[in-house]
Amino acid sequence: MSKVILINPFAVPAGKEEACLAFWEQAAEFMRRQPGYISTRLHEALSPQAKFHFINVAQWESAEHFQTAVDSERFKELTAPYMELFPHFPGLYKVVRT
């Protein structure tokens, strides 16, 4: 198994930034306790015209670890109320050049 990078951009309606941050903190706290989790950083757009206001970049030990975490019932319970309000588009990536 090789390490993977999660890149997850969030579309955030104007005025809902603090609510999105609260949602992210809740989900991040859960993820930090999961096997295979390594780290995460949440990035905020500097331009108001950016398509995505926040972009989360996280590192996991493997795709399997990440998938197990997001497939858990507790994660689904935490995120379900926010899925429509904060559309996000997670994808797993591997480093191919440095």
N, C-alpha and C. Protein backbone atom coordinates (compact mmCIF):
# COMPACT_ATOMS: atom_id res chain seq x y z
N MET A 1 0.85 -1.18 0.00
CA MET A 1 0.00 0.00 0.00
C MET A 1 0.90 1.24 0.00
N SER A 2 0.51 2.22 -0.82
CA SER A 2 1.29 3.45 -0.85
C SER A 2 0.43 4.62 -0.38
N LYS A 3 1.09 5.64 0.15
CA LYS A 3 0.39 6.81 0.66
C LYS A 3 -0.37 7.50 -0.47
N VAL A 4 -1.53 8.10 -0.08
CA VAL A 4 -2.36 8.82 -1.05
C VAL A 4 -2.68 10.20 -0.51
N ILE A 5 -2.98 11.09 -1.43
CA ILE A 5 -3.35 12.45 -1.09
C ILE A 5 -4.82 12.65 -1.46
N LEU A 6 -5.59 13.14 -0.49
CA LEU A 6 -6.98 13.52 -0.74
C LEU A 6 -6.99 15.01 -1.09
N ILE A 7 -7.60 15.36 -2.20
CA ILE A 7 -7.83 16.76 -2.55
C ILE A 7 -9.34 16.91 -2.65
N ASN A 8 -9.88 17.79 -1.81
CA ASN A 8 -11.34 17.90 -1.69
C ASN A 8 -11.75 19.38 -1.69
N PRO A 9 -12.16 19.90 -2.87
CA PRO A 9 -12.62 21.30 -2.94
C PRO A 9 -14.08 21.43 -2.51
N PHE A 10 -14.38 22.53 -1.81
CA PHE A 10 -15.73 22.80 -1.31
C PHE A 10 -16.30 24.06 -1.95
N ALA A 11 -17.49 23.95 -2.51
CA ALA A 11 -18.24 25.12 -2.97
C ALA A 11 -19.04 25.62 -1.77
N VAL A 12 -18.84 26.90 -1.42
CA VAL A 12 -19.44 27.45 -0.21
C VAL A 12 -20.28 28.66 -0.58
N PRO A 13 -21.58 28.64 -0.30
CA PRO A 13 -22.41 29.81 -0.57
C PRO A 13 -21.93 31.03 0.23
N ALA A 14 -22.05 32.20 -0.35
CA ALA A 14 -21.64 33.43 0.32
C ALA A 14 -22.34 33.54 1.67
N GLY A 15 -21.58 33.91 2.67
CA GLY A 15 -22.12 34.06 4.02
C GLY A 15 -22.17 32.78 4.82
N LYS A 16 -21.79 31.65 4.23
CA LYS A 16 -21.85 30.36 4.92
C LYS A 16 -20.45 29.82 5.26
N GLU A 17 -19.45 30.70 5.19
CA GLU A 17 -18.07 30.26 5.41
C GLU A 17 -17.87 29.70 6.82
N GLU A 18 -18.39 30.36 7.84
CA GLU A 18 -18.20 29.89 9.21
C GLU A 18 -18.91 28.56 9.44
N ALA A 19 -20.08 28.39 8.85
CA ALA A 19 -20.79 27.12 8.97
C ALA A 19 -20.01 26.00 8.30
N CYS A 20 -19.40 26.30 7.17
CA CYS A 20 -18.59 25.29 6.49
C CYS A 20 -17.37 24.93 7.32
N LEU A 21 -16.74 25.93 7.92
CA LEU A 21 -15.59 25.66 8.79
C LEU A 21 -15.98 24.77 9.97
N ALA A 22 -17.13 25.02 10.55
CA ALA A 22 -17.61 24.19 11.66
C ALA A 22 -17.84 22.75 11.20
N PHE A 23 -18.43 22.60 10.03
CA PHE A 23 -18.65 21.28 9.45
C PHE A 23 -17.31 20.58 9.22
N TRP A 24 -16.37 21.30 8.62
CA TRP A 24 -15.06 20.72 8.32
C TRP A 24 -14.36 20.29 9.61
N GLU A 25 -14.39 21.13 10.63
CA GLU A 25 -13.74 20.79 11.90
C GLU A 25 -14.31 19.51 12.50
N GLN A 26 -15.62 19.38 12.42
CA GLN A 26 -16.28 18.19 12.96
C GLN A 26 -15.81 16.93 12.20
N ALA A 27 -15.81 17.01 10.88
CA ALA A 27 -15.38 15.86 10.07
C ALA A 27 -13.89 15.59 10.26
N ALA A 28 -13.09 16.65 10.33
CA ALA A 28 -11.64 16.49 10.48
C ALA A 28 -11.30 15.84 11.81
N GLU A 29 -12.00 16.22 12.87
CA GLU A 29 -11.76 15.63 14.18
C GLU A 29 -12.02 14.12 14.15
N PHE A 30 -13.08 13.72 13.46
CA PHE A 30 -13.36 12.29 13.31
C PHE A 30 -12.24 11.61 12.53
N MET A 31 -11.84 12.21 11.41
CA MET A 31 -10.82 11.60 10.55
C MET A 31 -9.48 11.45 11.27
N ARG A 32 -9.13 12.41 12.10
CA ARG A 32 -7.85 12.36 12.82
C ARG A 32 -7.73 11.10 13.69
N ARG A 33 -8.84 10.54 14.08
CA ARG A 33 -8.83 9.36 14.95
C ARG A 33 -8.89 8.04 14.17
N GLN A 34 -8.90 8.11 12.84
CA GLN A 34 -9.05 6.90 12.04
C GLN A 34 -7.70 6.28 11.68
N PRO A 35 -7.66 4.95 11.62
CA PRO A 35 -6.42 4.28 11.21
C PRO A 35 -6.01 4.74 9.81
N GLY A 36 -4.73 5.01 9.65
CA GLY A 36 -4.21 5.38 8.34
C GLY A 36 -4.16 6.87 8.08
N TYR A 37 -4.81 7.66 8.93
CA TYR A 37 -4.79 9.11 8.77
C TYR A 37 -3.38 9.62 9.08
N ILE A 38 -2.90 10.57 8.27
CA ILE A 38 -1.58 11.15 8.52
C ILE A 38 -1.71 12.64 8.84
N SER A 39 -2.32 13.41 7.96
CA SER A 39 -2.40 14.86 8.18
C SER A 39 -3.45 15.49 7.28
N THR A 40 -3.79 16.73 7.59
CA THR A 40 -4.70 17.49 6.74
C THR A 40 -4.39 18.97 6.86
N ARG A 41 -4.70 19.70 5.80
CA ARG A 41 -4.59 21.15 5.78
C ARG A 41 -5.77 21.69 4.98
N LEU A 42 -6.43 22.66 5.55
CA LEU A 42 -7.55 23.31 4.86
C LEU A 42 -7.06 24.64 4.31
N HIS A 43 -7.27 24.85 3.01
CA HIS A 43 -6.84 26.06 2.32
C HIS A 43 -8.05 26.92 1.99
N GLU A 44 -7.89 28.23 2.12
CA GLU A 44 -8.96 29.17 1.80
C GLU A 44 -8.55 30.01 0.60
N ALA A 45 -9.48 30.19 -0.34
CA ALA A 45 -9.21 30.99 -1.53
C ALA A 45 -8.99 32.45 -1.15
N LEU A 46 -8.06 33.08 -1.81
CA LEU A 46 -7.82 34.51 -1.60
C LEU A 46 -8.72 35.36 -2.48
N SER A 47 -9.12 34.81 -3.61
CA SER A 47 -9.96 35.54 -4.56
C SER A 47 -11.44 35.23 -4.33
N PRO A 48 -12.28 36.25 -4.24
CA PRO A 48 -13.72 35.99 -4.08
C PRO A 48 -14.34 35.33 -5.33
N GLN A 49 -13.64 35.37 -6.44
CA GLN A 49 -14.15 34.77 -7.67
C GLN A 49 -13.79 33.28 -7.81
N ALA A 50 -13.03 32.77 -6.86
CA ALA A 50 -12.63 31.36 -6.94
C ALA A 50 -13.86 30.46 -6.91
N LYS A 51 -13.84 29.42 -7.71
CA LYS A 51 -14.97 28.48 -7.75
C LYS A 51 -15.14 27.77 -6.41
N PHE A 52 -14.02 27.45 -5.77
CA PHE A 52 -14.06 26.73 -4.49
C PHE A 52 -13.47 27.61 -3.41
N HIS A 53 -14.24 27.85 -2.35
CA HIS A 53 -13.78 28.72 -1.27
C HIS A 53 -12.75 28.01 -0.38
N PHE A 54 -12.99 26.73 -0.12
CA PHE A 54 -12.06 25.94 0.69
C PHE A 54 -11.61 24.72 -0.10
N ILE A 55 -10.35 24.34 0.11
CA ILE A 55 -9.83 23.10 -0.46
C ILE A 55 -9.08 22.37 0.65
N ASN A 56 -9.51 21.16 0.92
CA ASN A 56 -8.86 20.33 1.92
C ASN A 56 -7.85 19.42 1.22
N VAL A 57 -6.65 19.36 1.77
CA VAL A 57 -5.62 18.45 1.27
C VAL A 57 -5.17 17.61 2.46
N ALA A 58 -5.36 16.30 2.34
CA ALA A 58 -5.03 15.39 3.44
C ALA A 58 -4.16 14.26 2.91
N GLN A 59 -3.39 13.68 3.82
CA GLN A 59 -2.57 12.54 3.46
C GLN A 59 -3.03 11.33 4.28
N TRP A 60 -3.11 10.20 3.59
CA TRP A 60 -3.52 8.93 4.21
C TRP A 60 -2.49 7.86 3.89
N GLU A 61 -2.39 6.89 4.75
CA GLU A 61 -1.47 5.77 4.53
C GLU A 61 -1.83 5.00 3.26
N SER A 62 -3.14 4.90 2.96
CA SER A 62 -3.57 4.16 1.77
C SER A 62 -4.99 4.56 1.38
N ALA A 63 -5.34 4.26 0.15
CA ALA A 63 -6.71 4.49 -0.31
C ALA A 63 -7.69 3.66 0.50
N GLU A 64 -7.28 2.47 0.89
CA GLU A 64 -8.14 1.59 1.66
C GLU A 64 -8.47 2.19 3.03
N HIS A 65 -7.47 2.77 3.68
CA HIS A 65 -7.73 3.42 4.97
C HIS A 65 -8.74 4.55 4.82
N PHE A 66 -8.53 5.38 3.81
CA PHE A 66 -9.45 6.50 3.59
C PHE A 66 -10.86 5.98 3.31
N GLN A 67 -10.97 5.00 2.44
CA GLN A 67 -12.29 4.48 2.07
C GLN A 67 -13.00 3.88 3.27
N THR A 68 -12.29 3.18 4.11
CA THR A 68 -12.89 2.62 5.32
C THR A 68 -13.45 3.73 6.20
N ALA A 69 -12.70 4.83 6.33
CA ALA A 69 -13.16 5.94 7.16
C ALA A 69 -14.43 6.57 6.60
N VAL A 70 -14.47 6.84 5.30
CA VAL A 70 -15.66 7.51 4.73
C VAL A 70 -16.85 6.57 4.60
N ASP A 71 -16.60 5.28 4.59
CA ASP A 71 -17.71 4.32 4.51
C ASP A 71 -18.33 4.03 5.88
N SER A 72 -17.70 4.53 6.95
CA SER A 72 -18.22 4.23 8.29
C SER A 72 -19.55 4.95 8.52
N GLU A 73 -20.38 4.33 9.30
CA GLU A 73 -21.69 4.92 9.61
C GLU A 73 -21.55 6.26 10.33
N ARG A 74 -20.59 6.35 11.23
CA ARG A 74 -20.41 7.60 11.98
C ARG A 74 -20.03 8.76 11.05
N PHE A 75 -19.16 8.52 10.09
CA PHE A 75 -18.79 9.58 9.14
C PHE A 75 -20.00 9.99 8.31
N LYS A 76 -20.78 9.03 7.87
CA LYS A 76 -21.97 9.34 7.09
C LYS A 76 -22.96 10.17 7.91
N GLU A 77 -23.12 9.84 9.18
CA GLU A 77 -24.00 10.62 10.07
C GLU A 77 -23.49 12.05 10.23
N LEU A 78 -22.19 12.22 10.37
CA LEU A 78 -21.60 13.55 10.55
C LEU A 78 -21.75 14.44 9.31
N THR A 79 -21.62 13.84 8.15
CA THR A 79 -21.58 14.63 6.92
C THR A 79 -22.91 14.76 6.19
N ALA A 80 -23.83 13.86 6.41
CA ALA A 80 -25.10 13.85 5.67
C ALA A 80 -25.83 15.20 5.69
N PRO A 81 -25.94 15.89 6.83
CA PRO A 81 -26.69 17.15 6.84
C PRO A 81 -26.05 18.26 6.01
N TYR A 82 -24.78 18.09 5.61
CA TYR A 82 -24.06 19.17 4.93
C TYR A 82 -23.78 18.89 3.46
N MET A 83 -24.13 17.73 2.99
CA MET A 83 -23.76 17.33 1.63
C MET A 83 -24.32 18.27 0.57
N GLU A 84 -25.56 18.69 0.71
CA GLU A 84 -26.15 19.59 -0.28
C GLU A 84 -25.74 21.04 -0.06
N LEU A 85 -25.61 21.46 1.18
CA LEU A 85 -25.26 22.84 1.49
C LEU A 85 -23.84 23.17 1.04
N PHE A 86 -22.91 22.24 1.21
CA PHE A 86 -21.51 22.45 0.84
C PHE A 86 -21.07 21.36 -0.13
N PRO A 87 -21.44 21.48 -1.40
CA PRO A 87 -21.01 20.46 -2.37
C PRO A 87 -19.48 20.37 -2.38
N HIS A 88 -18.99 19.15 -2.35
CA HIS A 88 -17.55 18.95 -2.40
C HIS A 88 -17.24 17.77 -3.30
N PHE A 89 -16.02 17.73 -3.76
CA PHE A 89 -15.64 16.83 -4.83
C PHE A 89 -14.32 16.13 -4.50
N PRO A 90 -14.36 15.17 -3.56
CA PRO A 90 -13.14 14.52 -3.12
C PRO A 90 -12.55 13.60 -4.18
N GLY A 91 -11.24 13.58 -4.22
CA GLY A 91 -10.53 12.66 -5.10
C GLY A 91 -9.21 12.26 -4.44
N LEU A 92 -8.80 11.02 -4.66
CA LEU A 92 -7.53 10.55 -4.15
C LEU A 92 -6.49 10.61 -5.26
N TYR A 93 -5.29 11.03 -4.89
CA TYR A 93 -4.21 11.22 -5.86
C TYR A 93 -2.92 10.61 -5.31
N LYS A 94 -2.00 10.32 -6.23
CA LYS A 94 -0.66 9.90 -5.84
C LYS A 94 0.31 10.91 -6.42
N VAL A 95 1.44 11.07 -5.75
CA VAL A 95 2.48 11.96 -6.24
C VAL A 95 3.23 11.24 -7.36
N VAL A 96 3.37 11.93 -8.50
CA VAL A 96 4.10 11.34 -9.62
C VAL A 96 5.37 12.12 -9.96
N ARG A 97 5.48 13.38 -9.49
CA ARG A 97 6.68 14.18 -9.70
C ARG A 97 6.89 15.10 -8.50
N THR A 98 8.14 15.35 -8.19
CA THR A 98 8.46 16.36 -7.17
C THR A 98 9.58 17.25 -7.67
